[in-house]
Protein backbone atom coordinates (compact mmCIF):
# COMPACT_ATOMS: atom_id res chain seq x y z
CA ASN A 1 -58.81 27.43 10.66
CA THR A 2 -58.08 25.86 14.01
CA GLY A 3 -55.16 24.12 15.07
CA ILE A 4 -54.76 22.36 18.45
CA PHE A 5 -52.03 20.33 19.97
CA ARG A 6 -51.96 18.62 23.34
CA THR A 7 -50.01 16.23 25.11
CA THR A 8 -49.74 14.80 28.56
CA VAL A 9 -47.51 12.54 30.60
CA GLN A 10 -48.57 10.58 33.51
CA TYR A 11 -46.02 9.80 36.49
CA LYS A 12 -46.99 7.45 39.30
CA LEU A 13 -44.66 8.93 42.04
CA SER A 14 -46.08 6.30 44.65
CA ASP A 15 -49.38 4.46 45.32
CA LYS A 16 -50.87 7.75 46.99
CA VAL A 17 -49.41 10.28 44.66
CA SER A 18 -49.59 10.60 40.72
CA LEU A 19 -48.54 13.69 38.47
CA GLN A 20 -49.86 14.59 35.07
CA PRO A 21 -48.05 17.59 33.36
CA GLY A 22 -48.77 18.57 29.77
CA ILE A 23 -48.82 21.34 27.41
CA ASP A 24 -51.38 22.57 25.02
CA THR A 25 -51.57 24.94 22.10
CA ASN A 26 -54.28 26.53 20.19
CA ARG A 27 -54.35 28.71 16.89
CA ASP A 28 -57.36 30.00 15.51
CA GLU A 29 -57.41 32.15 12.09
CA ALA A 30 -60.40 33.25 10.17
CA THR A 31 -60.74 34.84 6.90
CA GLY A 32 -63.79 35.54 4.70
CA GLN A 33 -66.28 38.31 3.61
CA ARG A 34 -68.00 38.32 6.83
CA ILE A 35 -64.94 38.37 8.96
CA LEU A 36 -63.34 41.93 9.78
CA GLY A 37 -59.65 41.44 8.56
CA ASN A 38 -57.56 38.25 8.86
CA PRO A 39 -57.43 37.93 12.82
CA VAL A 40 -55.30 35.05 14.45
CA ILE A 41 -55.57 34.10 18.10
CA MET A 42 -53.00 31.95 19.88
CA ASP A 43 -53.06 30.24 23.36
CA TYR A 44 -49.90 28.59 24.83
CA ALA A 45 -50.21 26.48 28.13
CA PHE A 46 -48.62 24.42 30.49
CA PHE A 47 -50.51 22.66 33.01
CA VAL A 48 -50.20 20.09 35.84
CA SER A 49 -52.56 18.20 37.77
CA SER A 50 -52.07 15.48 40.42
CA GLU A 51 -54.18 13.03 42.24
CA ILE A 52 -53.25 12.35 45.96
CA LYS A 53 -54.80 9.69 48.05
CA PRO A 54 -53.84 10.21 51.68
CA THR A 55 -56.42 7.48 52.65
CA SER A 56 -58.25 4.67 51.04
CA THR A 57 -61.43 7.00 51.32
CA ILE A 58 -59.88 10.43 50.34
CA ASN A 59 -59.12 11.37 46.75
CA ILE A 60 -57.71 15.13 46.31
CA ARG A 61 -56.97 16.32 42.72
CA PRO A 62 -55.15 19.87 42.61
CA GLY A 63 -54.28 21.49 39.22
CA LEU A 64 -52.75 24.52 37.96
CA ARG A 65 -52.65 26.06 34.42
CA PHE A 66 -50.19 28.73 33.23
CA ILE A 67 -51.37 30.40 29.90
CA LYS A 68 -50.23 32.76 27.34
CA ASN A 69 -52.70 34.36 25.10
CA SER A 70 -51.70 36.34 22.11
CA LYS A 71 -54.41 39.09 22.34
CA TYR A 72 -55.39 39.01 26.18
CA ASP A 73 -53.68 39.06 29.48
CA ALA A 74 -54.54 35.87 31.06
CA PRO A 75 -54.16 35.46 34.82
CA PRO A 76 -50.49 34.06 35.69
CA VAL A 77 -51.72 31.00 37.05
CA ILE A 78 -55.39 29.19 36.99
CA PRO A 79 -55.95 27.03 39.90
CA SER A 80 -58.47 24.11 40.48
CA LEU A 81 -59.11 21.79 43.39
CA ASN A 82 -61.36 18.65 43.45
CA GLY A 83 -61.92 16.33 46.39
CA ARG A 84 -63.88 13.12 47.05
CA TRP A 85 -64.63 11.68 50.28
CA ALA A 86 -65.91 8.00 50.44
CA ILE A 87 -67.81 8.38 53.81
CA THR A 88 -69.12 5.05 53.40
CA ASP A 89 -69.25 2.15 50.60
CA ASP A 90 -72.75 3.69 49.66
CA LEU A 91 -72.31 7.30 50.35
CA ASN A 92 -69.49 10.04 48.83
CA LEU A 93 -69.24 13.60 49.08
CA ARG A 94 -67.58 15.56 46.25
CA VAL A 95 -66.31 19.19 46.22
CA GLY A 96 -64.78 21.27 43.56
CA TYR A 97 -63.43 24.87 42.98
CA ALA A 98 -61.96 26.22 39.82
CA TYR A 99 -60.97 29.70 38.39
CA GLY A 100 -61.80 30.05 34.95
CA PHE A 101 -60.44 32.27 32.10
CA ARG A 102 -61.86 32.54 28.58
CA SER A 103 -60.91 34.86 25.84
CA PRO A 104 -63.50 35.58 23.08
CA ALA A 105 -63.59 33.34 20.25
CA LEU A 106 -62.84 34.99 16.82
CA ARG A 107 -66.46 34.78 15.69
CA GLU A 108 -67.46 36.93 18.79
CA LEU A 109 -64.80 39.36 17.93
CA TYR A 110 -64.88 39.76 14.00
CA PHE A 111 -67.73 37.79 12.42
CA ASN A 112 -70.74 39.66 11.13
CA PHE A 113 -73.82 37.46 10.35
CA ILE A 114 -76.49 39.36 8.54
CA ASP A 115 -79.33 37.88 6.49
CA ALA A 116 -83.19 38.30 6.21
CA ASN A 117 -83.72 36.99 9.67
CA HIS A 118 -80.39 37.90 11.63
CA SER A 119 -78.14 40.99 12.29
CA ILE A 120 -75.51 39.83 14.63
CA ILE A 121 -72.47 41.97 14.64
CA GLY A 122 -69.05 40.80 16.22
CA ASN A 123 -67.40 43.09 19.04
CA PRO A 124 -63.53 43.43 18.56
CA ASN A 125 -63.68 45.47 22.04
CA LEU A 126 -64.71 42.50 24.10
CA LYS A 127 -62.61 41.78 27.25
CA ALA A 128 -61.82 38.14 28.26
CA GLU A 129 -64.21 36.70 30.84
CA THR A 130 -63.01 35.09 34.08
CA SER A 131 -65.05 33.11 36.64
CA ASN A 132 -64.98 31.43 40.16
CA SER A 133 -66.91 28.24 40.41
CA VAL A 134 -67.67 26.11 43.29
CA ASN A 135 -69.66 22.69 43.37
CA ALA A 136 -70.51 20.07 45.82
CA SER A 137 -72.54 16.97 45.63
CA LEU A 138 -73.63 14.04 47.79
CA ASN A 139 -73.88 10.92 46.04
CA TRP A 140 -75.82 7.71 47.47
CA SER A 141 -76.08 4.42 45.63
CA ALA A 142 -76.99 0.93 46.91
CA VAL A 143 -77.29 -2.23 45.01
CA LYS A 144 -80.45 -3.98 46.15
CA LYS A 145 -80.35 -6.74 43.22
CA ARG A 146 -78.12 -8.11 41.23
CA ASP A 147 -78.83 -5.88 38.06
CA PHE A 148 -80.45 -3.13 39.93
CA THR A 149 -78.97 -0.10 41.91
CA TYR A 150 -80.72 2.81 43.55
CA THR A 151 -79.00 6.24 43.13
CA ALA A 152 -79.53 9.56 44.48
CA VAL A 153 -77.42 12.64 43.91
CA LEU A 154 -77.77 16.06 45.98
CA GLY A 155 -75.66 18.68 44.34
CA GLY A 156 -75.35 22.51 44.17
CA PHE A 157 -73.21 25.01 42.48
CA TYR A 158 -72.26 28.82 42.62
CA ASN A 159 -70.53 30.52 39.71
CA LYS A 160 -69.39 34.29 39.63
CA PHE A 161 -68.35 35.51 36.39
CA LYS A 162 -66.43 38.84 35.67
CA ASN A 163 -66.92 40.08 32.31
CA LEU A 164 -69.30 37.45 31.07
CA ILE A 165 -69.40 37.23 27.14
CA ASP A 166 -73.10 37.41 26.03
CA TYR A 167 -75.43 38.53 23.48
CA GLY A 168 -77.05 42.13 23.66
CA PHE A 169 -78.74 44.76 21.54
CA ASP A 170 -76.89 47.41 19.97
CA ALA A 171 -77.64 50.71 21.85
CA ASN A 172 -78.02 52.74 18.43
CA ASN A 173 -80.10 50.15 16.71
CA PRO A 174 -82.34 47.69 18.85
CA THR A 175 -82.60 45.33 15.79
CA VAL A 176 -78.83 44.66 15.71
CA THR A 177 -77.76 42.06 18.13
CA THR A 178 -73.94 41.98 19.40
CA LEU A 179 -71.86 40.63 21.88
CA ILE A 180 -70.97 42.42 25.09
CA ASN A 181 -69.47 41.99 28.55
CA VAL A 182 -71.64 41.47 31.42
CA THR A 183 -69.61 43.21 34.04
CA GLU A 184 -70.83 40.84 36.69
CA HIS A 185 -73.09 37.72 36.61
CA LYS A 186 -73.75 34.89 39.08
CA THR A 187 -75.49 31.59 38.99
CA THR A 188 -76.62 29.46 41.74
CA GLY A 189 -78.38 26.01 41.57
CA VAL A 190 -79.33 22.97 43.13
CA THR A 191 -79.94 19.63 41.71
């Protein structure tokens, strides 16, 4: 069973600044023959984001999220920052940074799925994962005809995870899959 409640409010402080605070709650509970016990995990969060337009060509979106998790120690604040610069009418640059926090889902912690083709065992000892993510893209588009637009995007990203939640093999029995924490994991890409 999952219950989710989220509400936000939009404040326009001026033509250049708007503010969007909100609250977010999540409650997950599981029972069943393949679930260990009757676990419950709850998240409570307050967040605030803003849109700042110092000029007609620059748009900055900072955000902060304050979270309390019933099972895991969440960071005191989770920041994000996104920006867009319209270099010309046809060319813009977008950049972003975000810190991430994800507690394991109930199925990753307590669900055991065993049948003729699978042996997947939950891991109640999983740690929450955190990440730092950076991305950027250069976007070009030009209208050449009334109903036709050329578009090109060059982008890149870098993600660094700590305690990434992933599947691995049980050290005592390689036919059993379980969930593990990968101490450090990085991804980098270009599109």
